[in-house]
Amino acid sequence: MSRTAVAPLERMKILLQVQNPHNIKYSGTVQGLKHIWRTEGLRGLFKGNGTNCARIVPNSAVKFFSYEQASNGILYMYRQRTGNENAQLTPLLRLGAGATAGIIAMSATYPMDMVRGRLTVQTANSPYQYRGIAHALATVLREEGPRALYRGWLPSVIGVVPYVGLNFSVYESLKDWLVKENPYGLVENNELTVVTRLTCGAIAGTVGQTIAYPLDVIRRRMQMVGWKDASAIVTGEGRSTASLEYTGMVDAFRKTVRHEGFGALYKGLVPNSVKVVPSIAIAFVTYEMVKDVLGVEFRISD
C-alpha cells in the first residue's frame, strides 16, 4: 500500500540520483514528473513499482519479524544483566534491534533491490530492455557475475544503522513518551490514536532518511556500474566526461563530490522527503492495524 502510493516519487528520486550530470533531463521533481508523464505516460510514473512491491513483501516481513525477535532477545539479556525483571529497552538498545533487523532484511533481498534500481531507470529508448525482475537477475548474473548482484551492499549496510535503526528507535521512544506524558490528550485508554501513530511514523522516517541519504545515493550509483547497455540517463548518450566506474564506496564518494560537488550527495532528497512521510507512516500504522485484525497478541506498540 505505502510503496504504490508514492511510486512516482520513488522513481523520480532514483532518476535524479543516477542521471548523468553532463546530460540533465530532470532538473527537479515537478519538471521530472511532467517529463515522465509526457514521454512515457501513466505507466512510466509507476515503472519499477511491481518489482519494488515484490521485493518489499519479503523485506518488510523479515524486517519486522527480525526486529521483534531481536528486541525480545536484547531485552532478555538486558534484564539478566541488570537483574531487573521489569526493565524496558532503552533508545540505544532499540537502535541496535532496529539496525540488526534492517541488515538481515536488506541482505536477504539485496539482489532484488539492485535489479529494481536498473528496471526503474531504464526507458523505452534504453539499448537493452530487462523484461522483468527474473530476466534482470538472470542477465546480471550471466553478464556481470554473482558479485554484481551485491554491488552497493556496503553503503547499504552502513546506512541501515541510522535509517532503519532510528526509524524504530524514534518511533518507539515517541510513543512511550506520549503514553507516559499524554500531552494535549493524545492518548485514549492507554492507546495512541491512529493519527498520533501516523505522526510518530512520519517523524521517525524523516529523521532516518535525512541522516542516511548520502549513502543511498552512493548505493544507487554503484548499482549502475558494469551495466554495459545502460540507459542513456546514466551514460549521458556518450557525452559523459565523468567516470561511471567506482572501485568501492570511498571511491564513489570521492568521484561524486569531485565531479558534481557535495550537493550531489543529496540529489533526489526533495521527492524522497515528500514520499517518506506517507510511506513510512502508512507502513507502520497498516502493520499494527493488520495485526489487530488478525488477533496477534504482541505488537510493536506494546
C-alpha atoms as a PDB file:
ATOM      1  CA  MET A   1       0.000   0.000   0.000  1.00  0.00           C
ATOM      2  CA  SER A   2       2.606   2.540   1.064  1.00  0.00           C
ATOM      3  CA  ARG A   3       5.032   1.839  -1.803  1.00  0.00           C
ATOM      4  CA  THR A   4       2.398   2.016  -4.526  1.00  0.00           C
ATOM      5  CA  ALA A   5       1.039   5.292  -3.138  1.00  0.00           C
ATOM      6  CA  VAL A   6       4.400   7.015  -3.589  1.00  0.00           C
ATOM      7  CA  ALA A   7       5.766   5.070  -6.594  1.00  0.00           C
ATOM      8  CA  PRO A   8       6.061   8.133  -8.920  1.00  0.00           C
ATOM      9  CA  LEU A   9       8.110   9.986  -6.296  1.00  0.00           C
ATOM     10  CA  GLU A  10      10.289   6.902  -5.723  1.00  0.00           C
ATOM     11  CA  ARG A  11      11.100   6.635  -9.414  1.00  0.00           C
ATOM     12  CA  MET A  12      11.801  10.367  -9.624  1.00  0.00           C
ATOM     13  CA  LYS A  13      14.194  10.110  -6.692  1.00  0.00           C
ATOM     14  CA  ILE A  14      16.222   7.316  -8.301  1.00  0.00           C
ATOM     15  CA  LEU A  15      16.375   9.091 -11.673  1.00  0.00           C
ATOM     16  CA  LEU A  16      17.713  12.248 -10.002  1.00  0.00           C
ATOM     17  CA  GLN A  17      20.265  10.196  -8.042  1.00  0.00           C
ATOM     18  CA  VAL A  18      21.832   8.444 -11.032  1.00  0.00           C
ATOM     19  CA  GLN A  19      21.315  10.719 -14.036  1.00  0.00           C
ATOM     20  CA  ASN A  20      24.467  11.806 -15.830  1.00  0.00           C
ATOM     21  CA  PRO A  21      25.441  15.339 -14.706  1.00  0.00           C
ATOM     22  CA  HIS A  22      26.519  16.276 -18.239  1.00  0.00           C
ATOM     23  CA  ASN A  23      23.161  15.471 -19.821  1.00  0.00           C
ATOM     24  CA  ILE A  24      20.491  16.694 -17.408  1.00  0.00           C
ATOM     25  CA  LYS A  25      16.995  15.528 -18.314  1.00  0.00           C
ATOM     26  CA  TYR A  26      15.393  16.066 -14.916  1.00  0.00           C
ATOM     27  CA  SER A  27      16.036  19.419 -13.262  1.00  0.00           C
ATOM     28  CA  GLY A  28      13.617  18.953 -10.405  1.00  0.00           C
ATOM     29  CA  THR A  29      10.747  16.922  -9.015  1.00  0.00           C
ATOM     30  CA  VAL A  30       7.810  18.662 -10.700  1.00  0.00           C
ATOM     31  CA  GLN A  31       9.603  19.091 -14.038  1.00  0.00           C
ATOM     32  CA  GLY A  32      10.744  15.467 -13.910  1.00  0.00           C
ATOM     33  CA  LEU A  33       7.279  14.086 -13.212  1.00  0.00           C
ATOM     34  CA  LYS A  34       5.840  16.187 -16.044  1.00  0.00           C
ATOM     35  CA  HIS A  35       8.577  14.924 -18.397  1.00  0.00           C
ATOM     36  CA  ILE A  36       7.845  11.294 -17.499  1.00  0.00           C
ATOM     37  CA  TRP A  37       4.106  11.838 -17.995  1.00  0.00           C
ATOM     38  CA  ARG A  38       4.701  13.482 -21.376  1.00  0.00           C
ATOM     39  CA  THR A  39       7.211  10.929 -22.706  1.00  0.00           C
ATOM     40  CA  GLU A  40       6.168   7.671 -21.020  1.00  0.00           C
ATOM     41  CA  GLY A  41       2.584   8.179 -19.889  1.00  0.00           C
ATOM     42  CA  LEU A  42       0.925   6.923 -16.717  1.00  0.00           C
ATOM     43  CA  ARG A  43       2.770   3.603 -16.787  1.00  0.00           C
ATOM     44  CA  GLY A  44       6.060   5.467 -16.781  1.00  0.00           C
ATOM     45  CA  LEU A  45       5.251   7.009 -13.392  1.00  0.00           C
ATOM     46  CA  PHE A  46       4.906   3.532 -11.884  1.00  0.00           C
ATOM     47  CA  LYS A  47       7.825   1.868 -13.666  1.00  0.00           C
ATOM     48  CA  GLY A  48       9.627  -0.475 -11.300  1.00  0.00           C
ATOM     49  CA  ASN A  49       6.781  -0.464  -8.776  1.00  0.00           C
ATOM     50  CA  GLY A  50       5.819  -4.075  -9.436  1.00  0.00           C
ATOM     51  CA  THR A  51       9.388  -5.159  -8.758  1.00  0.00           C
ATOM     52  CA  ASN A  52       9.541  -2.923  -5.701  1.00  0.00           C
ATOM     53  CA  CYS A  53       6.365  -4.463  -4.290  1.00  0.00           C
ATOM     54  CA  ALA A  54       7.665  -7.963  -4.985  1.00  0.00           C
ATOM     55  CA  ARG A  55      10.850  -7.066  -3.114  1.00  0.00           C
ATOM     56  CA  ILE A  56       9.213  -5.198  -0.270  1.00  0.00           C
ATOM     57  CA  VAL A  57       6.933  -8.067   0.773  1.00  0.00           C
ATOM     58  CA  PRO A  58       9.747 -10.407   1.898  1.00  0.00           C
ATOM     59  CA  ASN A  59      11.879  -7.443   3.008  1.00  0.00           C
ATOM     60  CA  SER A  60       9.213  -5.997   5.299  1.00  0.00           C
ATOM     61  CA  ALA A  61       8.211  -9.383   6.649  1.00  0.00           C
ATOM     62  CA  VAL A  62      11.820 -10.289   7.504  1.00  0.00           C
ATOM     63  CA  LYS A  63      12.496  -6.794   8.901  1.00  0.00           C
ATOM     64  CA  PHE A  64       9.546  -6.666  11.291  1.00  0.00           C
ATOM     65  CA  PHE A  65       9.936 -10.300  12.374  1.00  0.00           C
ATOM     66  CA  SER A  66      13.672  -9.807  12.935  1.00  0.00           C
ATOM     67  CA  TYR A  67      13.028  -6.624  14.912  1.00  0.00           C
ATOM     68  CA  GLU A  68      10.600  -8.308  17.273  1.00  0.00           C
ATOM     69  CA  GLN A  69      12.909 -11.302  17.755  1.00  0.00           C
ATOM     70  CA  ALA A  70      15.966  -9.074  18.253  1.00  0.00           C
ATOM     71  CA  SER A  71      14.037  -6.872  20.691  1.00  0.00           C
ATOM     72  CA  ASN A  72      12.945  -9.877  22.757  1.00  0.00           C
ATOM     73  CA  GLY A  73      16.474 -11.298  22.796  1.00  0.00           C
ATOM     74  CA  ILE A  74      18.137  -7.999  23.695  1.00  0.00           C
ATOM     75  CA  LEU A  75      15.530  -7.270  26.385  1.00  0.00           C
ATOM     76  CA  TYR A  76      16.049 -10.725  27.928  1.00  0.00           C
ATOM     77  CA  MET A  77      19.838 -10.235  28.068  1.00  0.00           C
ATOM     78  CA  TYR A  78      19.429  -6.686  29.402  1.00  0.00           C
ATOM     79  CA  ARG A  79      17.166  -7.897  32.222  1.00  0.00           C
ATOM     80  CA  GLN A  80      19.541 -10.731  33.040  1.00  0.00           C
ATOM     81  CA  ARG A  81      22.486  -8.348  33.185  1.00  0.00           C
ATOM     82  CA  THR A  82      20.752  -5.678  35.286  1.00  0.00           C
ATOM     83  CA  GLY A  83      18.812  -8.100  37.468  1.00  0.00           C
ATOM     84  CA  ASN A  84      15.690  -6.002  36.891  1.00  0.00           C
ATOM     85  CA  GLU A  85      12.847  -8.131  35.533  1.00  0.00           C
ATOM     86  CA  ASN A  86      10.790  -5.002  34.820  1.00  0.00           C
ATOM     87  CA  ALA A  87      13.490  -3.236  32.793  1.00  0.00           C
ATOM     88  CA  GLN A  88      12.492  -1.922  29.366  1.00  0.00           C
ATOM     89  CA  LEU A  89      14.511  -1.325  26.234  1.00  0.00           C
ATOM     90  CA  THR A  90      16.415   1.958  26.152  1.00  0.00           C
ATOM     91  CA  PRO A  91      16.553   4.027  22.923  1.00  0.00           C
ATOM     92  CA  LEU A  92      20.108   2.757  22.314  1.00  0.00           C
ATOM     93  CA  LEU A  93      19.029  -0.871  22.643  1.00  0.00           C
ATOM     94  CA  ARG A  94      16.098  -0.213  20.313  1.00  0.00           C
ATOM     95  CA  LEU A  95      18.530   1.278  17.829  1.00  0.00           C
ATOM     96  CA  GLY A  96      20.568  -1.938  17.975  1.00  0.00           C
ATOM     97  CA  ALA A  97      17.484  -4.087  17.463  1.00  0.00           C
ATOM     98  CA  GLY A  98      16.315  -1.951  14.558  1.00  0.00           C
ATOM     99  CA  ALA A  99      19.736  -1.961  12.907  1.00  0.00           C
ATOM    100  CA  THR A 100      20.022  -5.745  13.262  1.00  0.00           C
ATOM    101  CA  ALA A 101      16.611  -6.240  11.688  1.00  0.00           C
ATOM    102  CA  GLY A 102      17.438  -3.856   8.849  1.00  0.00           C
ATOM    103  CA  ILE A 103      20.743  -5.533   7.982  1.00  0.00           C
ATOM    104  CA  ILE A 104      19.169  -9.009   7.944  1.00  0.00           C
ATOM    105  CA  ALA A 105      16.242  -7.933   5.771  1.00  0.00           C
ATOM    106  CA  MET A 106      18.335  -5.833   3.400  1.00  0.00           C
ATOM    107  CA  SER A 107      20.939  -8.573   2.882  1.00  0.00           C
ATOM    108  CA  ALA A 108      18.279 -11.214   2.237  1.00  0.00           C
ATOM    109  CA  THR A 109      16.636  -9.206  -0.554  1.00  0.00           C
ATOM    110  CA  TYR A 110      19.508  -7.060  -1.856  1.00  0.00           C
ATOM    111  CA  PRO A 111      19.786  -8.679  -5.340  1.00  0.00           C
ATOM    112  CA  MET A 112      16.136  -7.797  -5.924  1.00  0.00           C
ATOM    113  CA  ASP A 113      16.797  -4.197  -4.913  1.00  0.00           C
ATOM    114  CA  MET A 114      19.818  -3.996  -7.201  1.00  0.00           C
ATOM    115  CA  VAL A 115      17.887  -5.023 -10.316  1.00  0.00           C
ATOM    116  CA  ARG A 116      14.899  -2.952  -9.212  1.00  0.00           C
ATOM    117  CA  GLY A 117      17.110   0.133  -9.468  1.00  0.00           C
ATOM    118  CA  ARG A 118      18.026  -0.715 -13.049  1.00  0.00           C
ATOM    119  CA  LEU A 119      14.449  -1.534 -14.036  1.00  0.00           C
ATOM    120  CA  THR A 120      13.344   1.812 -12.627  1.00  0.00           C
ATOM    121  CA  VAL A 121      15.978   3.733 -14.605  1.00  0.00           C
ATOM    122  CA  GLN A 122      15.545   2.082 -17.993  1.00  0.00           C
ATOM    123  CA  THR A 123      13.321   3.779 -20.554  1.00  0.00           C
ATOM    124  CA  ALA A 124      11.801   2.763 -23.875  1.00  0.00           C
ATOM    125  CA  ASN A 125      14.964   4.055 -25.582  1.00  0.00           C
ATOM    126  CA  SER A 126      17.381   2.005 -23.477  1.00  0.00           C
ATOM    127  CA  PRO A 127      19.743  -0.112 -25.650  1.00  0.00           C
ATOM    128  CA  TYR A 128      18.749  -3.328 -23.885  1.00  0.00           C
ATOM    129  CA  GLN A 129      15.495  -3.970 -22.090  1.00  0.00           C
ATOM    130  CA  TYR A 130      15.116  -6.045 -18.952  1.00  0.00           C
ATOM    131  CA  ARG A 131      11.746  -7.761 -19.265  1.00  0.00           C
ATOM    132  CA  GLY A 132      11.170  -8.157 -15.555  1.00  0.00           C
ATOM    133  CA  ILE A 133      12.825  -8.999 -12.278  1.00  0.00           C
ATOM    134  CA  ALA A 134      13.615 -12.632 -13.143  1.00  0.00           C
ATOM    135  CA  HIS A 135      15.066 -11.687 -16.536  1.00  0.00           C
ATOM    136  CA  ALA A 136      17.095  -8.859 -14.970  1.00  0.00           C
ATOM    137  CA  LEU A 137      18.514 -11.137 -12.260  1.00  0.00           C
ATOM    138  CA  ALA A 138      19.454 -13.792 -14.831  1.00  0.00           C
ATOM    139  CA  THR A 139      21.023 -11.226 -17.184  1.00  0.00           C
ATOM    140  CA  VAL A 140      23.142  -9.559 -14.495  1.00  0.00           C
ATOM    141  CA  LEU A 141      24.236 -12.956 -13.171  1.00  0.00           C
ATOM    142  CA  ARG A 142      25.226 -14.145 -16.650  1.00  0.00           C
ATOM    143  CA  GLU A 143      26.943 -10.969 -17.905  1.00  0.00           C
ATOM    144  CA  GLU A 144      28.418  -9.461 -14.713  1.00  0.00           C
ATOM    145  CA  GLY A 145      28.723 -12.358 -12.289  1.00  0.00           C
ATOM    146  CA  PRO A 146      27.192 -13.055  -8.855  1.00  0.00           C
ATOM    147  CA  ARG A 147      29.158 -10.292  -7.108  1.00  0.00           C
ATOM    148  CA  ALA A 148      27.388  -7.701  -9.264  1.00  0.00           C
ATOM    149  CA  LEU A 149      24.101  -8.537  -7.533  1.00  0.00           C
ATOM    150  CA  TYR A 150      25.573  -7.135  -4.303  1.00  0.00           C
ATOM    151  CA  ARG A 151      27.127  -4.014  -5.792  1.00  0.00           C
ATOM    152  CA  GLY A 152      26.495  -1.150  -3.360  1.00  0.00           C
ATOM    153  CA  TRP A 153      25.846  -3.530  -0.465  1.00  0.00           C
ATOM    154  CA  LEU A 154      28.387  -1.907   1.894  1.00  0.00           C
ATOM    155  CA  PRO A 155      26.901   1.620   1.882  1.00  0.00           C
ATOM    156  CA  SER A 156      23.513  -0.032   2.283  1.00  0.00           C
ATOM    157  CA  VAL A 157      24.662  -1.853   5.423  1.00  0.00           C
ATOM    158  CA  ILE A 158      26.222   1.295   6.859  1.00  0.00           C
ATOM    159  CA  GLY A 159      23.082   3.263   6.042  1.00  0.00           C
ATOM    160  CA  VAL A 160      20.897   0.737   7.817  1.00  0.00           C
ATOM    161  CA  VAL A 161      22.120   1.883  11.247  1.00  0.00           C
ATOM    162  CA  PRO A 162      20.859   5.483  11.049  1.00  0.00           C
ATOM    163  CA  TYR A 163      17.947   4.767   8.722  1.00  0.00           C
ATOM    164  CA  VAL A 164      16.193   1.649   9.982  1.00  0.00           C
ATOM    165  CA  GLY A 165      17.633   1.899  13.478  1.00  0.00           C
ATOM    166  CA  LEU A 166      16.466   5.472  14.013  1.00  0.00           C
ATOM    167  CA  ASN A 167      13.107   4.715  12.385  1.00  0.00           C
ATOM    168  CA  PHE A 168      12.284   2.143  15.024  1.00  0.00           C
ATOM    169  CA  SER A 169      14.046   3.894  17.894  1.00  0.00           C
ATOM    170  CA  VAL A 170      12.473   7.322  17.348  1.00  0.00           C
ATOM    171  CA  TYR A 171       9.061   5.783  16.633  1.00  0.00           C
ATOM    172  CA  GLU A 172       9.017   3.640  19.768  1.00  0.00           C
ATOM    173  CA  SER A 173      10.506   6.338  22.010  1.00  0.00           C
ATOM    174  CA  LEU A 174       7.970   8.895  20.822  1.00  0.00           C
ATOM    175  CA  LYS A 175       5.115   6.520  21.550  1.00  0.00           C
ATOM    176  CA  ASP A 176       6.434   5.666  25.025  1.00  0.00           C
ATOM    177  CA  TRP A 177       6.798   9.367  25.852  1.00  0.00           C
ATOM    178  CA  LEU A 178       3.296  10.169  24.602  1.00  0.00           C
ATOM    179  CA  VAL A 179       1.734   7.338  26.602  1.00  0.00           C
ATOM    180  CA  LYS A 180       3.555   8.444  29.772  1.00  0.00           C
ATOM    181  CA  GLU A 181       3.061  12.208  29.470  1.00  0.00           C
ATOM    182  CA  ASN A 182      -0.157  12.292  27.421  1.00  0.00           C
ATOM    183  CA  PRO A 183       0.390  15.841  26.118  1.00  0.00           C
ATOM    184  CA  TYR A 184      -2.683  17.527  24.632  1.00  0.00           C
ATOM    185  CA  GLY A 185      -4.805  14.472  25.469  1.00  0.00           C
ATOM    186  CA  LEU A 186      -3.442  12.390  22.593  1.00  0.00           C
ATOM    187  CA  VAL A 187      -3.768   9.086  24.492  1.00  0.00           C
ATOM    188  CA  GLU A 188      -7.110   7.340  24.908  1.00  0.00           C
ATOM    189  CA  ASN A 189      -7.328   4.367  27.279  1.00  0.00           C
ATOM    190  CA  ASN A 190      -3.525   3.987  27.251  1.00  0.00           C
ATOM    191  CA  GLU A 191      -3.605   3.672  23.453  1.00  0.00           C
ATOM    192  CA  LEU A 192      -2.409   6.156  20.846  1.00  0.00           C
ATOM    193  CA  THR A 193      -4.861   7.189  18.161  1.00  0.00           C
ATOM    194  CA  VAL A 194      -4.175   6.250  14.543  1.00  0.00           C
ATOM    195  CA  VAL A 195      -3.397   9.875  13.681  1.00  0.00           C
ATOM    196  CA  THR A 196      -0.860  10.088  16.520  1.00  0.00           C
ATOM    197  CA  ARG A 197       0.836   6.875  15.427  1.00  0.00           C
ATOM    198  CA  LEU A 198       0.861   8.192  11.854  1.00  0.00           C
ATOM    199  CA  THR A 199       2.656  11.329  13.063  1.00  0.00           C
ATOM    200  CA  CYS A 200       5.195   9.294  15.048  1.00  0.00           C
ATOM    201  CA  GLY A 201       5.947   7.190  11.973  1.00  0.00           C
ATOM    202  CA  ALA A 202       6.353  10.275   9.797  1.00  0.00           C
ATOM    203  CA  ILE A 203       8.783  11.927  12.219  1.00  0.00           C
ATOM    204  CA  ALA A 204      10.797   8.718  12.607  1.00  0.00           C
ATOM    205  CA  GLY A 205      11.046   8.222   8.850  1.00  0.00           C
ATOM    206  CA  THR A 206      12.118  11.801   8.189  1.00  0.00           C
ATOM    207  CA  VAL A 207      14.915  11.664  10.764  1.00  0.00           C
ATOM    208  CA  GLY A 208      16.259   8.339   9.497  1.00  0.00           C
ATOM    209  CA  GLN A 209      16.195   9.081   5.782  1.00  0.00           C
ATOM    210  CA  THR A 210      17.819  12.509   6.084  1.00  0.00           C
ATOM    211  CA  ILE A 211      20.815  11.205   8.026  1.00  0.00           C
ATOM    212  CA  ALA A 212      21.362   8.196   5.766  1.00  0.00           C
ATOM    213  CA  TYR A 213      20.575   9.807   2.399  1.00  0.00           C
ATOM    214  CA  PRO A 214      24.130  10.288   1.007  1.00  0.00           C
ATOM    215  CA  LEU A 215      24.731   6.551   1.448  1.00  0.00           C
ATOM    216  CA  ASP A 216      21.578   5.835  -0.549  1.00  0.00           C
ATOM    217  CA  VAL A 217      22.821   7.999  -3.435  1.00  0.00           C
ATOM    218  CA  ILE A 218      26.163   6.178  -3.483  1.00  0.00           C
ATOM    219  CA  ARG A 219      24.445   2.793  -3.330  1.00  0.00           C
ATOM    220  CA  ARG A 220      22.301   3.591  -6.364  1.00  0.00           C
ATOM    221  CA  ARG A 221      25.259   4.855  -8.369  1.00  0.00           C
ATOM    222  CA  MET A 222      27.310   1.754  -7.569  1.00  0.00           C
ATOM    223  CA  GLN A 223      24.411  -0.421  -8.747  1.00  0.00           C
ATOM    224  CA  MET A 224      24.654   1.159 -12.209  1.00  0.00           C
ATOM    225  CA  VAL A 225      28.354   0.276 -12.606  1.00  0.00           C
ATOM    226  CA  GLY A 226      29.053  -2.531 -15.095  1.00  0.00           C
ATOM    227  CA  TRP A 227      25.752  -2.073 -16.939  1.00  0.00           C
ATOM    228  CA  LYS A 228      27.121  -2.185 -20.488  1.00  0.00           C
ATOM    229  CA  ASP A 229      23.785  -1.374 -22.127  1.00  0.00           C
ATOM    230  CA  ALA A 230      22.782   1.185 -19.537  1.00  0.00           C
ATOM    231  CA  SER A 231      20.003   3.698 -20.019  1.00  0.00           C
ATOM    232  CA  ALA A 232      21.026   6.999 -21.616  1.00  0.00           C
ATOM    233  CA  ILE A 233      20.008   8.641 -18.349  1.00  0.00           C
ATOM    234  CA  VAL A 234      23.102   7.040 -16.795  1.00  0.00           C
ATOM    235  CA  THR A 235      25.518   7.198 -19.738  1.00  0.00           C
ATOM    236  CA  GLY A 236      24.594  10.675 -20.934  1.00  0.00           C
ATOM    237  CA  GLU A 237      24.251   9.343 -24.502  1.00  0.00           C
ATOM    238  CA  GLY A 238      28.015   9.214 -24.909  1.00  0.00           C
ATOM    239  CA  ARG A 239      28.638  12.795 -23.805  1.00  0.00           C
ATOM    240  CA  SER A 240      29.799  11.991 -20.277  1.00  0.00           C
ATOM    241  CA  THR A 241      33.214  13.171 -19.088  1.00  0.00           C
ATOM    242  CA  ALA A 242      32.855  11.752 -15.560  1.00  0.00           C
ATOM    243  CA  SER A 243      33.782   8.135 -14.968  1.00  0.00           C
ATOM    244  CA  LEU A 244      30.958   5.769 -14.102  1.00  0.00           C
ATOM    245  CA  GLU A 245      33.401   3.220 -12.715  1.00  0.00           C
ATOM    246  CA  TYR A 246      33.910   3.042  -8.968  1.00  0.00           C
ATOM    247  CA  THR A 247      36.393   0.781  -7.216  1.00  0.00           C
ATOM    248  CA  GLY A 248      34.405   0.939  -3.999  1.00  0.00           C
ATOM    249  CA  MET A 249      32.279   3.047  -1.703  1.00  0.00           C
ATOM    250  CA  VAL A 250      35.015   5.553  -0.808  1.00  0.00           C
ATOM    251  CA  ASP A 251      35.940   5.979  -4.475  1.00  0.00           C
ATOM    252  CA  ALA A 252      32.285   6.579  -5.324  1.00  0.00           C
ATOM    253  CA  PHE A 253      32.023   9.273  -2.662  1.00  0.00           C
ATOM    254  CA  ARG A 254      35.243  10.914  -3.839  1.00  0.00           C
ATOM    255  CA  LYS A 255      34.341  10.972  -7.550  1.00  0.00           C
ATOM    256  CA  THR A 256      30.799  12.154  -6.919  1.00  0.00           C
ATOM    257  CA  VAL A 257      31.929  15.104  -4.802  1.00  0.00           C
ATOM    258  CA  ARG A 258      34.854  15.921  -7.122  1.00  0.00           C
ATOM    259  CA  HIS A 259      32.781  15.970 -10.330  1.00  0.00           C
ATOM    260  CA  GLU A 260      29.478  17.314  -9.034  1.00  0.00           C
ATOM    261  CA  GLY A 261      30.071  18.888  -5.641  1.00  0.00           C
ATOM    262  CA  PHE A 262      28.860  17.998  -2.166  1.00  0.00           C
ATOM    263  CA  GLY A 263      25.260  18.779  -3.102  1.00  0.00           C
ATOM    264  CA  ALA A 264      25.226  15.732  -5.409  1.00  0.00           C
ATOM    265  CA  LEU A 265      25.050  13.526  -2.312  1.00  0.00           C
ATOM    266  CA  TYR A 266      21.560  14.904  -1.726  1.00  0.00           C
ATOM    267  CA  LYS A 267      20.191  14.646  -5.263  1.00  0.00           C
ATOM    268  CA  GLY A 268      16.616  13.427  -5.126  1.00  0.00           C
ATOM    269  CA  LEU A 269      16.179  14.419  -1.478  1.00  0.00           C
ATOM    270  CA  VAL A 270      13.082  16.525  -2.231  1.00  0.00           C
ATOM    271  CA  PRO A 271      10.917  13.740  -3.717  1.00  0.00           C
ATOM    272  CA  ASN A 272      12.322  11.366  -1.104  1.00  0.00           C
ATOM    273  CA  SER A 273      11.342  13.717   1.725  1.00  0.00           C
ATOM    274  CA  VAL A 274       7.877  14.187   0.268  1.00  0.00           C
ATOM    275  CA  LYS A 275       7.313  10.443  -0.073  1.00  0.00           C
ATOM    276  CA  VAL A 276       8.837   9.316   3.211  1.00  0.00           C
ATOM    277  CA  VAL A 277       6.106  10.867   5.352  1.00  0.00           C
ATOM    278  CA  PRO A 278       3.157   8.950   3.858  1.00  0.00           C
ATOM    279  CA  SER A 279       5.250   5.891   3.021  1.00  0.00           C
ATOM    280  CA  ILE A 280       6.780   5.161   6.433  1.00  0.00           C
ATOM    281  CA  ALA A 281       3.744   6.342   8.369  1.00  0.00           C
ATOM    282  CA  ILE A 282       1.285   4.211   6.370  1.00  0.00           C
ATOM    283  CA  ALA A 283       3.628   1.209   6.656  1.00  0.00           C
ATOM    284  CA  PHE A 284       3.810   1.395  10.457  1.00  0.00           C
ATOM    285  CA  VAL A 285       0.101   2.050  11.014  1.00  0.00           C
ATOM    286  CA  THR A 286      -1.017  -0.586   8.498  1.00  0.00           C
ATOM    287  CA  TYR A 287       1.304  -3.113  10.147  1.00  0.00           C
ATOM    288  CA  GLU A 288      -0.204  -2.598  13.575  1.00  0.00           C
ATOM    289  CA  MET A 289      -3.811  -2.403  12.356  1.00  0.00           C
ATOM    290  CA  VAL A 290      -3.469  -5.656  10.380  1.00  0.00           C
ATOM    291  CA  LYS A 291      -2.020  -7.376  13.447  1.00  0.00           C
ATOM    292  CA  ASP A 292      -5.051  -6.166  15.418  1.00  0.00           C
ATOM    293  CA  VAL A 293      -7.394  -7.598  12.785  1.00  0.00           C
ATOM    294  CA  LEU A 294      -5.512 -10.909  12.779  1.00  0.00           C
ATOM    295  CA  GLY A 295      -5.652 -11.042  16.565  1.00  0.00           C
ATOM    296  CA  VAL A 296      -1.885 -11.193  17.036  1.00  0.00           C
ATOM    297  CA  GLU A 297      -1.134 -10.519  20.692  1.00  0.00           C
ATOM    298  CA  PHE A 298       2.313  -8.873  20.539  1.00  0.00           C
ATOM    299  CA  ARG A 299       2.580  -5.520  18.788  1.00  0.00           C
ATOM    300  CA  ILE A 300       5.389  -3.036  18.299  1.00  0.00           C
ATOM    301  CA  SER A 301       3.313  -0.514  20.236  1.00  0.00           C
ATOM    302  CA  ASP A 302       3.187  -2.722  23.368  1.00  0.00           C
END
